[in-house]
Amino acid sequence: MWNRFGRIGWHMAKKITLLAGSSNIELAKEVSKFIGVPLTPISTKKFNDGESYVHIEQSVRGSTVFVIQPTSPQVNDNLMELLLIIDALKRASATEINAVIPYYGYSRQDRKTMPREPISARLVANLIEKAGADRVVTFDLHADQIQGFFDIPVDNLEVTSLFAEYILDHGYKDIIIVAPDVGGAKRARRLGRLLDAGIAIIDKRRPAHNEAEVLNIVGDVQGMHAIILDDIIDTAGTISSAAKVLKERGAKAVSLFATHAVFSGPAHKRLDQPFIKEVVVTNSIVIPPDKRFSKLKIVSLSPILSETINTIFEGRPMGVIFDKLAENVEAKKKHSDGRKR
């Protein structure tokens, strides 16, 4: 089997096992198809009192196991299911357990902001590690320092290259990358560097959790196609307000790009507005039909995730993946430039 990275089906002396929790089975099926490894059957259920139960239905003894289970809403249920799967694998004598968590729940609670608060992202890291995981693979952690909460390897993958490819494939012109806050400037610069585009930064204040007020735009967006890049869209209040302000400041179009589509409450209604051209997210989280709308576009993580699993299993350096992604973007840029000429 082939994908953009080359051949990824293989015959192995080592044993590989691919498992899917219940939170994003479709993504796991895509990965299974890419790498040519069937999903090992697993049964999950809830008892009447709400307790979770899992059972792995085939032997995993001596296997290198990859468990695909984002801890997306319902976060607590999916996190508990992940922990139970890891514990079951450890007790079934798996050689290595890789927790593939495309969306890492509790990542926004990465520090104390007032007295007597927990650091929940650290607690979740402790739970995953204690359950028996040997490695974590995730995408676009809300804060890079969460990697330091683990004493096991953590691969925090980025989707900026996928988004750059999407932008080039869809012929965006006169673009400027907009960071939703100062903390997102680093991510915006990376995408801007890939696309040879400038950046702007939204100056905002956050009076409470899930609330923010746009105060100013640092940078000139007049006549530009503004691309707001974020890691998470939750209630969409801040990002939709920012899009409206960008249009008022003279942007000719505004598109929103985010890795994780949490889409809580009225998010989908706030995003389906005339001042927003389109909303591009990944399939790290399952988006139910009632939260989808015509402007929503979904980019699949399965090509990167499949090659990552292959790379980890074969013990190759992860940098090869990022180099290949960068090469893909450069090739598309040259092709796009050629069409313009």
C-alpha atoms as a PDB file:
ATOM      1  CA  MET A   1       0.000   0.000   0.000  1.00  0.00           C
ATOM      2  CA  TRP A   2       1.213   3.511  -0.834  1.00  0.00           C
ATOM      3  CA  ASN A   3       0.485   7.002   0.383  1.00  0.00           C
ATOM      4  CA  ARG A   4       2.154  10.392   0.025  1.00  0.00           C
ATOM      5  CA  PHE A   5       5.111   9.143   2.071  1.00  0.00           C
ATOM      6  CA  GLY A   6       5.778   6.021  -0.023  1.00  0.00           C
ATOM      7  CA  ARG A   7       5.166   2.377   0.812  1.00  0.00           C
ATOM      8  CA  ILE A   8       3.779   1.736   4.292  1.00  0.00           C
ATOM      9  CA  GLY A   9       2.474  -1.816   4.129  1.00  0.00           C
ATOM     10  CA  TRP A  10       5.120  -4.238   5.491  1.00  0.00           C
ATOM     11  CA  HIS A  11       5.856  -7.758   6.615  1.00  0.00           C
ATOM     12  CA  MET A  12       7.346  -7.745  10.060  1.00  0.00           C
ATOM     13  CA  ALA A  13       9.412  -9.951  12.268  1.00  0.00           C
ATOM     14  CA  LYS A  14       8.085  -7.978  15.227  1.00  0.00           C
ATOM     15  CA  LYS A  15       4.379  -8.063  15.941  1.00  0.00           C
ATOM     16  CA  ILE A  16       2.293  -4.925  15.634  1.00  0.00           C
ATOM     17  CA  THR A  17      -1.199  -4.583  17.046  1.00  0.00           C
ATOM     18  CA  LEU A  18      -3.572  -1.727  16.289  1.00  0.00           C
ATOM     19  CA  LEU A  19      -6.457  -1.021  18.680  1.00  0.00           C
ATOM     20  CA  ALA A  20      -9.226   1.557  18.662  1.00  0.00           C
ATOM     21  CA  GLY A  21     -11.124   2.867  21.633  1.00  0.00           C
ATOM     22  CA  SER A  22     -14.685   4.030  21.038  1.00  0.00           C
ATOM     23  CA  SER A  23     -14.039   7.784  20.776  1.00  0.00           C
ATOM     24  CA  ASN A  24     -12.874   7.938  17.136  1.00  0.00           C
ATOM     25  CA  ILE A  25     -13.259   4.599  15.394  1.00  0.00           C
ATOM     26  CA  GLU A  26     -13.410   6.137  11.901  1.00  0.00           C
ATOM     27  CA  LEU A  27      -9.928   7.658  12.239  1.00  0.00           C
ATOM     28  CA  ALA A  28      -8.611   4.325  13.479  1.00  0.00           C
ATOM     29  CA  LYS A  29     -10.162   2.560  10.465  1.00  0.00           C
ATOM     30  CA  GLU A  30      -8.444   5.015   8.109  1.00  0.00           C
ATOM     31  CA  VAL A  31      -5.091   4.378   9.801  1.00  0.00           C
ATOM     32  CA  SER A  32      -5.679   0.629   9.664  1.00  0.00           C
ATOM     33  CA  LYS A  33      -6.290   0.857   5.915  1.00  0.00           C
ATOM     34  CA  PHE A  34      -3.185   2.996   5.334  1.00  0.00           C
ATOM     35  CA  ILE A  35      -0.756   0.738   7.175  1.00  0.00           C
ATOM     36  CA  GLY A  36      -2.365  -2.548   6.173  1.00  0.00           C
ATOM     37  CA  VAL A  37      -2.852  -3.781   9.743  1.00  0.00           C
ATOM     38  CA  PRO A  38      -6.357  -4.834  10.822  1.00  0.00           C
ATOM     39  CA  LEU A  39      -7.862  -3.445  13.984  1.00  0.00           C
ATOM     40  CA  THR A  40      -7.747  -5.951  16.825  1.00  0.00           C
ATOM     41  CA  PRO A  41     -11.300  -6.450  18.069  1.00  0.00           C
ATOM     42  CA  ILE A  42     -12.110  -4.895  21.395  1.00  0.00           C
ATOM     43  CA  SER A  43     -15.425  -4.732  23.226  1.00  0.00           C
ATOM     44  CA  THR A  44     -16.434  -1.826  25.433  1.00  0.00           C
ATOM     45  CA  LYS A  45     -19.545  -1.251  27.491  1.00  0.00           C
ATOM     46  CA  LYS A  46     -20.914   0.559  30.509  1.00  0.00           C
ATOM     47  CA  PHE A  47     -22.477  -1.005  33.537  1.00  0.00           C
ATOM     48  CA  ASN A  48     -25.705   0.406  34.920  1.00  0.00           C
ATOM     49  CA  ASP A  49     -23.845   2.493  37.479  1.00  0.00           C
ATOM     50  CA  GLY A  50     -21.732   4.157  34.767  1.00  0.00           C
ATOM     51  CA  GLU A  51     -18.573   2.084  35.230  1.00  0.00           C
ATOM     52  CA  SER A  52     -16.636   1.411  32.010  1.00  0.00           C
ATOM     53  CA  TYR A  53     -15.538  -2.051  30.924  1.00  0.00           C
ATOM     54  CA  VAL A  54     -13.181  -3.160  28.143  1.00  0.00           C
ATOM     55  CA  HIS A  55     -12.118  -6.544  26.820  1.00  0.00           C
ATOM     56  CA  ILE A  56      -9.409  -7.141  24.194  1.00  0.00           C
ATOM     57  CA  GLU A  57     -10.623 -10.102  22.185  1.00  0.00           C
ATOM     58  CA  GLN A  58      -7.322 -11.389  20.777  1.00  0.00           C
ATOM     59  CA  SER A  59      -3.904 -12.112  22.263  1.00  0.00           C
ATOM     60  CA  VAL A  60      -1.445  -9.206  22.335  1.00  0.00           C
ATOM     61  CA  ARG A  61       1.393 -11.084  24.020  1.00  0.00           C
ATOM     62  CA  GLY A  62       4.738  -9.856  22.700  1.00  0.00           C
ATOM     63  CA  SER A  63       3.157  -7.168  20.512  1.00  0.00           C
ATOM     64  CA  THR A  64       4.021  -3.532  19.981  1.00  0.00           C
ATOM     65  CA  VAL A  65       0.574  -2.024  20.470  1.00  0.00           C
ATOM     66  CA  PHE A  66      -0.823   1.302  19.257  1.00  0.00           C
ATOM     67  CA  VAL A  67      -4.078   2.403  20.928  1.00  0.00           C
ATOM     68  CA  ILE A  68      -5.957   5.166  19.095  1.00  0.00           C
ATOM     69  CA  GLN A  69      -8.198   6.970  21.569  1.00  0.00           C
ATOM     70  CA  PRO A  70      -8.543  10.773  21.668  1.00  0.00           C
ATOM     71  CA  THR A  71      -9.807  11.966  25.032  1.00  0.00           C
ATOM     72  CA  SER A  72     -12.422  14.146  23.401  1.00  0.00           C
ATOM     73  CA  PRO A  73     -15.938  14.827  24.682  1.00  0.00           C
ATOM     74  CA  GLN A  74     -17.160  13.082  26.710  1.00  0.00           C
ATOM     75  CA  VAL A  75     -13.660  13.615  28.066  1.00  0.00           C
ATOM     76  CA  ASN A  76     -13.891  11.715  31.356  1.00  0.00           C
ATOM     77  CA  ASP A  77     -15.500   8.636  29.807  1.00  0.00           C
ATOM     78  CA  ASN A  78     -12.969   8.473  26.992  1.00  0.00           C
ATOM     79  CA  LEU A  79     -10.026   9.055  29.317  1.00  0.00           C
ATOM     80  CA  MET A  80     -11.187   6.278  31.644  1.00  0.00           C
ATOM     81  CA  GLU A  81     -11.643   3.930  28.693  1.00  0.00           C
ATOM     82  CA  LEU A  82      -8.085   4.687  27.535  1.00  0.00           C
ATOM     83  CA  LEU A  83      -6.687   3.934  30.981  1.00  0.00           C
ATOM     84  CA  LEU A  84      -8.565   0.643  31.153  1.00  0.00           C
ATOM     85  CA  ILE A  85      -7.331  -0.407  27.697  1.00  0.00           C
ATOM     86  CA  ILE A  86      -3.728   0.387  28.643  1.00  0.00           C
ATOM     87  CA  ASP A  87      -4.051  -1.554  31.895  1.00  0.00           C
ATOM     88  CA  ALA A  88      -5.573  -4.531  30.051  1.00  0.00           C
ATOM     89  CA  LEU A  89      -2.706  -4.499  27.547  1.00  0.00           C
ATOM     90  CA  LYS A  90      -0.091  -4.369  30.278  1.00  0.00           C
ATOM     91  CA  ARG A  91      -1.674  -7.313  32.096  1.00  0.00           C
ATOM     92  CA  ALA A  92      -1.885  -9.211  28.773  1.00  0.00           C
ATOM     93  CA  SER A  93       1.922  -9.001  28.352  1.00  0.00           C
ATOM     94  CA  ALA A  94       2.133  -6.521  25.463  1.00  0.00           C
ATOM     95  CA  THR A  95       5.792  -5.673  24.807  1.00  0.00           C
ATOM     96  CA  GLU A  96       5.241  -1.942  24.220  1.00  0.00           C
ATOM     97  CA  ILE A  97       2.130   0.205  24.618  1.00  0.00           C
ATOM     98  CA  ASN A  98       1.824   3.395  22.549  1.00  0.00           C
ATOM     99  CA  ALA A  99      -1.083   5.642  23.509  1.00  0.00           C
ATOM    100  CA  VAL A 100      -2.144   7.546  20.382  1.00  0.00           C
ATOM    101  CA  ILE A 101      -4.187  10.466  21.702  1.00  0.00           C
ATOM    102  CA  PRO A 102      -4.906  12.822  18.769  1.00  0.00           C
ATOM    103  CA  TYR A 103      -6.730  15.202  21.121  1.00  0.00           C
ATOM    104  CA  TYR A 104      -5.358  15.419  24.667  1.00  0.00           C
ATOM    105  CA  GLY A 105      -8.197  16.363  27.007  1.00  0.00           C
ATOM    106  CA  TYR A 106      -7.439  18.672  29.958  1.00  0.00           C
ATOM    107  CA  SER A 107      -4.566  20.246  27.981  1.00  0.00           C
ATOM    108  CA  ARG A 108      -5.842  23.759  28.718  1.00  0.00           C
ATOM    109  CA  GLN A 109      -5.435  23.166  32.466  1.00  0.00           C
ATOM    110  CA  ASP A 110      -1.642  23.134  32.237  1.00  0.00           C
ATOM    111  CA  ARG A 111      -0.805  25.552  35.086  1.00  0.00           C
ATOM    112  CA  LYS A 112      -2.232  27.244  38.164  1.00  0.00           C
ATOM    113  CA  THR A 113      -3.804  30.629  37.499  1.00  0.00           C
ATOM    114  CA  MET A 114      -5.131  31.150  41.032  1.00  0.00           C
ATOM    115  CA  PRO A 115      -4.673  29.555  44.449  1.00  0.00           C
ATOM    116  CA  ARG A 116      -6.041  26.049  45.164  1.00  0.00           C
ATOM    117  CA  GLU A 117      -6.358  25.021  41.507  1.00  0.00           C
ATOM    118  CA  PRO A 118      -5.151  21.637  40.217  1.00  0.00           C
ATOM    119  CA  ILE A 119      -2.747  21.233  37.306  1.00  0.00           C
ATOM    120  CA  SER A 120      -5.063  18.799  35.585  1.00  0.00           C
ATOM    121  CA  ALA A 121      -2.936  18.202  32.491  1.00  0.00           C
ATOM    122  CA  ARG A 122      -0.157  16.915  34.763  1.00  0.00           C
ATOM    123  CA  LEU A 123      -2.567  14.657  36.650  1.00  0.00           C
ATOM    124  CA  VAL A 124      -3.786  13.124  33.367  1.00  0.00           C
ATOM    125  CA  ALA A 125      -0.172  12.547  32.316  1.00  0.00           C
ATOM    126  CA  ASN A 126       0.481  10.739  35.614  1.00  0.00           C
ATOM    127  CA  LEU A 127      -2.592   8.549  35.112  1.00  0.00           C
ATOM    128  CA  ILE A 128      -1.612   7.544  31.563  1.00  0.00           C
ATOM    129  CA  GLU A 129       1.945   6.781  32.601  1.00  0.00           C
ATOM    130  CA  LYS A 130       0.911   4.870  35.731  1.00  0.00           C
ATOM    131  CA  ALA A 131      -1.590   2.804  33.729  1.00  0.00           C
ATOM    132  CA  GLY A 132       1.364   1.453  31.743  1.00  0.00           C
ATOM    133  CA  ALA A 133       1.834   3.488  28.552  1.00  0.00           C
ATOM    134  CA  ASP A 134       5.390   3.480  27.167  1.00  0.00           C
ATOM    135  CA  ARG A 135       4.888   6.369  24.723  1.00  0.00           C
ATOM    136  CA  VAL A 136       2.310   9.023  23.873  1.00  0.00           C
ATOM    137  CA  VAL A 137       1.566  10.327  20.379  1.00  0.00           C
ATOM    138  CA  THR A 138      -0.604  13.428  20.133  1.00  0.00           C
ATOM    139  CA  PHE A 139      -1.303  16.466  17.944  1.00  0.00           C
ATOM    140  CA  ASP A 140      -0.889  20.161  18.729  1.00  0.00           C
ATOM    141  CA  LEU A 141      -0.887  20.186  22.503  1.00  0.00           C
ATOM    142  CA  HIS A 142      -2.374  23.398  23.828  1.00  0.00           C
ATOM    143  CA  ALA A 143       0.919  24.025  25.647  1.00  0.00           C
ATOM    144  CA  ASP A 144       4.206  22.449  24.540  1.00  0.00           C
ATOM    145  CA  GLN A 145       5.387  22.149  28.138  1.00  0.00           C
ATOM    146  CA  ILE A 146       2.838  19.367  28.730  1.00  0.00           C
ATOM    147  CA  GLN A 147       5.426  17.057  27.168  1.00  0.00           C
ATOM    148  CA  GLY A 148       7.501  17.683  30.269  1.00  0.00           C
ATOM    149  CA  PHE A 149       4.719  16.309  32.478  1.00  0.00           C
ATOM    150  CA  PHE A 150       5.617  12.821  31.234  1.00  0.00           C
ATOM    151  CA  ASP A 151       8.669  10.690  32.018  1.00  0.00           C
ATOM    152  CA  ILE A 152       8.065   8.656  28.869  1.00  0.00           C
ATOM    153  CA  PRO A 153       8.587   9.758  25.217  1.00  0.00           C
ATOM    154  CA  VAL A 154       5.930  12.130  23.840  1.00  0.00           C
ATOM    155  CA  ASP A 155       5.589  12.885  20.133  1.00  0.00           C
ATOM    156  CA  ASN A 156       3.672  16.145  19.792  1.00  0.00           C
ATOM    157  CA  LEU A 157       2.901  16.287  16.065  1.00  0.00           C
ATOM    158  CA  GLU A 158       1.917  19.454  14.194  1.00  0.00           C
ATOM    159  CA  VAL A 159      -0.640  19.855  11.431  1.00  0.00           C
ATOM    160  CA  THR A 160       0.703  23.124   9.972  1.00  0.00           C
ATOM    161  CA  SER A 161       2.043  21.279   6.914  1.00  0.00           C
ATOM    162  CA  LEU A 162      -1.357  19.693   6.257  1.00  0.00           C
ATOM    163  CA  PHE A 163      -3.004  23.098   6.511  1.00  0.00           C
ATOM    164  CA  ALA A 164      -0.356  24.632   4.229  1.00  0.00           C
ATOM    165  CA  GLU A 165      -1.097  21.960   1.626  1.00  0.00           C
ATOM    166  CA  TYR A 166      -4.831  22.645   1.913  1.00  0.00           C
ATOM    167  CA  ILE A 167      -4.298  26.395   1.420  1.00  0.00           C
ATOM    168  CA  LEU A 168      -2.090  25.831  -1.618  1.00  0.00           C
ATOM    169  CA  ASP A 169      -4.466  23.257  -3.122  1.00  0.00           C
ATOM    170  CA  HIS A 170      -7.391  25.674  -2.788  1.00  0.00           C
ATOM    171  CA  GLY A 171      -5.624  28.664  -4.338  1.00  0.00           C
ATOM    172  CA  TYR A 172      -5.731  31.131  -1.449  1.00  0.00           C
ATOM    173  CA  LYS A 173      -4.219  34.487  -2.468  1.00  0.00           C
ATOM    174  CA  ASP A 174      -2.900  37.528  -0.565  1.00  0.00           C
ATOM    175  CA  ILE A 175      -2.863  35.638   2.702  1.00  0.00           C
ATOM    176  CA  ILE A 176      -1.831  36.725   6.172  1.00  0.00           C
ATOM    177  CA  ILE A 177      -1.689  34.294   9.095  1.00  0.00           C
ATOM    178  CA  VAL A 178      -3.382  35.572  12.242  1.00  0.00           C
ATOM    179  CA  ALA A 179      -2.507  34.298  15.719  1.00  0.00           C
ATOM    180  CA  PRO A 180      -5.575  34.362  18.006  1.00  0.00           C
ATOM    181  CA  ASP A 181      -3.381  35.532  20.900  1.00  0.00           C
ATOM    182  CA  VAL A 182       0.277  36.147  21.752  1.00  0.00           C
ATOM    183  CA  GLY A 183       0.687  32.511  22.788  1.00  0.00           C
ATOM    184  CA  GLY A 184      -0.306  31.378  19.292  1.00  0.00           C
ATOM    185  CA  ALA A 185       2.247  33.554  17.515  1.00  0.00           C
ATOM    186  CA  LYS A 186       4.803  30.734  17.315  1.00  0.00           C
ATOM    187  CA  ARG A 187       2.335  28.447  15.544  1.00  0.00           C
ATOM    188  CA  ALA A 188       1.314  31.271  13.175  1.00  0.00           C
ATOM    189  CA  ARG A 189       4.956  31.970  12.309  1.00  0.00           C
ATOM    190  CA  ARG A 190       5.515  28.328  11.397  1.00  0.00           C
ATOM    191  CA  LEU A 191       2.598  28.347   8.959  1.00  0.00           C
ATOM    192  CA  GLY A 192       3.628  31.773   7.668  1.00  0.00           C
ATOM    193  CA  ARG A 193       7.148  30.488   7.029  1.00  0.00           C
ATOM    194  CA  LEU A 194       5.814  27.509   5.047  1.00  0.00           C
ATOM    195  CA  LEU A 195       3.650  29.785   2.886  1.00  0.00           C
ATOM    196  CA  ASP A 196       5.987  32.826   2.718  1.00  0.00           C
ATOM    197  CA  ALA A 197       3.226  34.869   4.371  1.00  0.00           C
ATOM    198  CA  GLY A 198       3.244  37.581   7.026  1.00  0.00           C
ATOM    199  CA  ILE A 199       1.510  37.314  10.379  1.00  0.00           C
ATOM    200  CA  ALA A 200      -0.762  39.411  12.577  1.00  0.00           C
ATOM    201  CA  ILE A 201      -1.661  38.945  16.239  1.00  0.00           C
ATOM    202  CA  ILE A 202      -4.970  39.474  18.011  1.00  0.00           C
ATOM    203  CA  ASP A 203      -4.649  41.302  21.325  1.00  0.00           C
ATOM    204  CA  LYS A 204      -7.328  40.048  23.681  1.00  0.00           C
ATOM    205  CA  ARG A 205      -8.085  39.672  27.354  1.00  0.00           C
ATOM    206  CA  ARG A 206      -9.763  36.711  29.024  1.00  0.00           C
ATOM    207  CA  PRO A 207     -11.976  37.750  31.971  1.00  0.00           C
ATOM    208  CA  ALA A 208     -13.102  34.160  32.686  1.00  0.00           C
ATOM    209  CA  HIS A 209     -12.836  30.590  31.392  1.00  0.00           C
ATOM    210  CA  ASN A 210     -14.256  30.259  27.845  1.00  0.00           C
ATOM    211  CA  GLU A 211     -14.636  34.046  27.633  1.00  0.00           C
ATOM    212  CA  ALA A 212     -12.427  36.516  25.782  1.00  0.00           C
ATOM    213  CA  GLU A 213     -12.642  40.058  24.474  1.00  0.00           C
ATOM    214  CA  VAL A 214     -10.784  41.249  21.358  1.00  0.00           C
ATOM    215  CA  LEU A 215      -9.007  44.523  22.127  1.00  0.00           C
ATOM    216  CA  ASN A 216      -6.812  45.157  19.083  1.00  0.00           C
ATOM    217  CA  ILE A 217      -5.228  43.690  15.933  1.00  0.00           C
ATOM    218  CA  VAL A 218      -1.434  43.929  15.711  1.00  0.00           C
ATOM    219  CA  GLY A 219      -0.628  43.978  11.992  1.00  0.00           C
ATOM    220  CA  ASP A 220      -2.180  45.240   8.748  1.00  0.00           C
ATOM    221  CA  VAL A 221      -4.924  42.995   7.328  1.00  0.00           C
ATOM    222  CA  GLN A 222      -6.334  45.509   4.839  1.00  0.00           C
ATOM    223  CA  GLY A 223      -7.160  43.763   1.550  1.00  0.00           C
ATOM    224  CA  MET A 224      -5.759  40.428   2.765  1.00  0.00           C
ATOM    225  CA  HIS A 225      -7.234  36.951   3.127  1.00  0.00           C
ATOM    226  CA  ALA A 226      -6.822  36.518   6.888  1.00  0.00           C
ATOM    227  CA  ILE A 227      -6.281  32.981   8.149  1.00  0.00           C
ATOM    228  CA  ILE A 228      -6.818  32.605  11.890  1.00  0.00           C
ATOM    229  CA  LEU A 229      -4.823  29.603  13.108  1.00  0.00           C
ATOM    230  CA  ASP A 230      -5.593  27.998  16.473  1.00  0.00           C
ATOM    231  CA  ASP A 231      -5.195  24.639  18.176  1.00  0.00           C
ATOM    232  CA  ILE A 232      -8.746  24.343  19.574  1.00  0.00           C
ATOM    233  CA  ILE A 233     -12.159  25.748  18.726  1.00  0.00           C
ATOM    234  CA  ASP A 234     -14.378  25.229  21.751  1.00  0.00           C
ATOM    235  CA  THR A 235     -17.381  27.538  22.082  1.00  0.00           C
ATOM    236  CA  ALA A 236     -16.098  29.654  19.122  1.00  0.00           C
ATOM    237  CA  GLY A 237     -17.021  32.916  20.863  1.00  0.00           C
ATOM    238  CA  THR A 238     -13.523  34.393  20.694  1.00  0.00           C
ATOM    239  CA  ILE A 239     -12.561  33.179  17.230  1.00  0.00           C
ATOM    240  CA  SER A 240     -15.843  34.272  15.629  1.00  0.00           C
ATOM    241  CA  SER A 241     -15.527  37.714  17.273  1.00  0.00           C
ATOM    242  CA  ALA A 242     -11.970  37.962  15.973  1.00  0.00           C
ATOM    243  CA  ALA A 243     -13.136  37.058  12.463  1.00  0.00           C
ATOM    244  CA  LYS A 244     -15.729  39.825  12.604  1.00  0.00           C
ATOM    245  CA  VAL A 245     -13.149  42.371  13.771  1.00  0.00           C
ATOM    246  CA  LEU A 246     -10.758  41.333  10.979  1.00  0.00           C
ATOM    247  CA  LYS A 247     -13.494  41.947   8.399  1.00  0.00           C
ATOM    248  CA  GLU A 248     -14.214  45.325   9.967  1.00  0.00           C
ATOM    249  CA  ARG A 249     -10.492  46.152   9.712  1.00  0.00           C
ATOM    250  CA  GLY A 250     -10.571  45.582   5.968  1.00  0.00           C
ATOM    251  CA  ALA A 251      -9.720  41.907   5.426  1.00  0.00           C
ATOM    252  CA  LYS A 252     -11.199  40.789   2.104  1.00  0.00           C
ATOM    253  CA  ALA A 253     -11.903  37.301   3.508  1.00  0.00           C
ATOM    254  CA  VAL A 254     -11.449  35.433   6.793  1.00  0.00           C
ATOM    255  CA  SER A 255     -10.911  31.676   7.118  1.00  0.00           C
ATOM    256  CA  LEU A 256     -10.490  29.755  10.362  1.00  0.00           C
ATOM    257  CA  PHE A 257      -8.085  26.823  10.771  1.00  0.00           C
ATOM    258  CA  ALA A 258      -7.885  24.727  13.931  1.00  0.00           C
ATOM    259  CA  THR A 259      -6.609  21.271  14.799  1.00  0.00           C
ATOM    260  CA  HIS A 260      -9.261  20.231  17.319  1.00  0.00           C
ATOM    261  CA  ALA A 261     -12.960  20.905  16.724  1.00  0.00           C
ATOM    262  CA  VAL A 262     -14.412  20.621  20.232  1.00  0.00           C
ATOM    263  CA  PHE A 263     -17.464  22.660  19.118  1.00  0.00           C
ATOM    264  CA  SER A 264     -19.183  23.061  22.491  1.00  0.00           C
ATOM    265  CA  GLY A 265     -22.655  24.559  22.806  1.00  0.00           C
ATOM    266  CA  PRO A 266     -23.480  27.115  20.088  1.00  0.00           C
ATOM    267  CA  ALA A 267     -20.049  26.902  18.384  1.00  0.00           C
ATOM    268  CA  HIS A 268     -21.343  25.665  15.015  1.00  0.00           C
ATOM    269  CA  LYS A 269     -23.919  28.480  14.864  1.00  0.00           C
ATOM    270  CA  ARG A 270     -21.301  31.111  15.699  1.00  0.00           C
ATOM    271  CA  LEU A 271     -19.036  29.787  12.940  1.00  0.00           C
ATOM    272  CA  ASP A 272     -21.702  29.616  10.246  1.00  0.00           C
ATOM    273  CA  GLN A 273     -21.669  33.373   9.651  1.00  0.00           C
ATOM    274  CA  PRO A 274     -21.398  35.440   6.433  1.00  0.00           C
ATOM    275  CA  PHE A 275     -18.142  37.109   7.541  1.00  0.00           C
ATOM    276  CA  ILE A 276     -16.395  33.704   7.748  1.00  0.00           C
ATOM    277  CA  LYS A 277     -15.383  32.169   4.403  1.00  0.00           C
ATOM    278  CA  GLU A 278     -14.681  28.636   5.682  1.00  0.00           C
ATOM    279  CA  VAL A 279     -13.687  26.667   8.758  1.00  0.00           C
ATOM    280  CA  VAL A 280     -10.998  23.999   8.298  1.00  0.00           C
ATOM    281  CA  VAL A 281     -10.352  21.445  11.057  1.00  0.00           C
ATOM    282  CA  THR A 282      -8.924  17.933  11.381  1.00  0.00           C
ATOM    283  CA  ASN A 283     -10.669  14.702  12.320  1.00  0.00           C
ATOM    284  CA  SER A 284      -8.857  14.419  15.678  1.00  0.00           C
ATOM    285  CA  ILE A 285     -12.355  14.684  17.192  1.00  0.00           C
ATOM    286  CA  VAL A 286     -15.536  13.182  15.752  1.00  0.00           C
ATOM    287  CA  ILE A 287     -17.889  15.979  14.707  1.00  0.00           C
ATOM    288  CA  PRO A 288     -21.528  14.817  14.926  1.00  0.00           C
ATOM    289  CA  PRO A 289     -23.891  15.606  12.026  1.00  0.00           C
ATOM    290  CA  ASP A 290     -25.850  18.182  14.023  1.00  0.00           C
ATOM    291  CA  LYS A 291     -22.664  20.276  14.482  1.00  0.00           C
ATOM    292  CA  ARG A 292     -21.634  20.268  10.830  1.00  0.00           C
ATOM    293  CA  PHE A 293     -22.374  23.099   8.395  1.00  0.00           C
ATOM    294  CA  SER A 294     -21.673  23.912   4.752  1.00  0.00           C
ATOM    295  CA  LYS A 295     -18.538  25.993   5.425  1.00  0.00           C
ATOM    296  CA  LEU A 296     -16.914  23.244   7.494  1.00  0.00           C
ATOM    297  CA  LYS A 297     -14.041  21.346   5.836  1.00  0.00           C
ATOM    298  CA  ILE A 298     -12.289  18.391   7.503  1.00  0.00           C
ATOM    299  CA  VAL A 299      -8.678  17.397   6.808  1.00  0.00           C
ATOM    300  CA  SER A 300      -7.728  13.849   7.797  1.00  0.00           C
ATOM    301  CA  LEU A 301      -4.817  13.131  10.125  1.00  0.00           C
ATOM    302  CA  SER A 302      -4.545   9.528   8.952  1.00  0.00           C
ATOM    303  CA  PRO A 303      -1.614  10.007   6.511  1.00  0.00           C
ATOM    304  CA  ILE A 304       0.624  11.599   9.167  1.00  0.00           C
ATOM    305  CA  LEU A 305      -0.594   9.279  11.897  1.00  0.00           C
ATOM    306  CA  SER A 306      -0.040   6.192   9.765  1.00  0.00           C
ATOM    307  CA  GLU A 307       3.513   7.169   8.879  1.00  0.00           C
ATOM    308  CA  THR A 308       4.208   8.067  12.523  1.00  0.00           C
ATOM    309  CA  ILE A 309       3.113   4.610  13.661  1.00  0.00           C
ATOM    310  CA  ASN A 310       5.253   3.040  10.957  1.00  0.00           C
ATOM    311  CA  THR A 311       8.257   5.180  11.931  1.00  0.00           C
ATOM    312  CA  ILE A 312       7.978   4.411  15.653  1.00  0.00           C
ATOM    313  CA  PHE A 313       7.537   0.695  14.994  1.00  0.00           C
ATOM    314  CA  GLU A 314      10.570   0.520  12.704  1.00  0.00           C
ATOM    315  CA  GLY A 315      12.699   2.668  15.019  1.00  0.00           C
ATOM    316  CA  ARG A 316      13.406   5.367  12.433  1.00  0.00           C
ATOM    317  CA  PRO A 317      13.932   9.060  13.342  1.00  0.00           C
ATOM    318  CA  MET A 318      10.770  11.141  13.480  1.00  0.00           C
ATOM    319  CA  GLY A 319      12.460  13.993  11.605  1.00  0.00           C
ATOM    320  CA  VAL A 320      12.015  12.046   8.368  1.00  0.00           C
ATOM    321  CA  ILE A 321       8.259  12.646   8.559  1.00  0.00           C
ATOM    322  CA  PHE A 322       8.576  16.401   9.018  1.00  0.00           C
ATOM    323  CA  ASP A 323      11.148  16.644   6.225  1.00  0.00           C
ATOM    324  CA  LYS A 324       8.791  14.814   3.872  1.00  0.00           C
ATOM    325  CA  LEU A 325       5.863  17.040   4.826  1.00  0.00           C
ATOM    326  CA  ALA A 326       7.974  20.146   4.185  1.00  0.00           C
ATOM    327  CA  GLU A 327       9.023  18.736   0.813  1.00  0.00           C
ATOM    328  CA  ASN A 328       5.363  18.178  -0.092  1.00  0.00           C
ATOM    329  CA  VAL A 329       4.567  21.813   0.706  1.00  0.00           C
ATOM    330  CA  GLU A 330       7.538  23.083  -1.316  1.00  0.00           C
ATOM    331  CA  ALA A 331       6.495  20.950  -4.292  1.00  0.00           C
ATOM    332  CA  LYS A 332       2.974  22.343  -4.135  1.00  0.00           C
ATOM    333  CA  LYS A 333       4.321  25.908  -3.883  1.00  0.00           C
ATOM    334  CA  LYS A 334       6.409  25.413  -7.032  1.00  0.00           C
ATOM    335  CA  HIS A 335       3.439  23.913  -8.826  1.00  0.00           C
ATOM    336  CA  SER A 336       1.247  26.825  -7.722  1.00  0.00           C
ATOM    337  CA  ASP A 337       3.860  29.369  -8.831  1.00  0.00           C
ATOM    338  CA  GLY A 338       4.131  27.609 -12.181  1.00  0.00           C
ATOM    339  CA  ARG A 339       0.381  27.868 -12.732  1.00  0.00           C
ATOM    340  CA  LYS A 340       0.462  31.604 -11.929  1.00  0.00           C
ATOM    341  CA  ARG A 341       3.134  32.193 -14.539  1.00  0.00           C
END
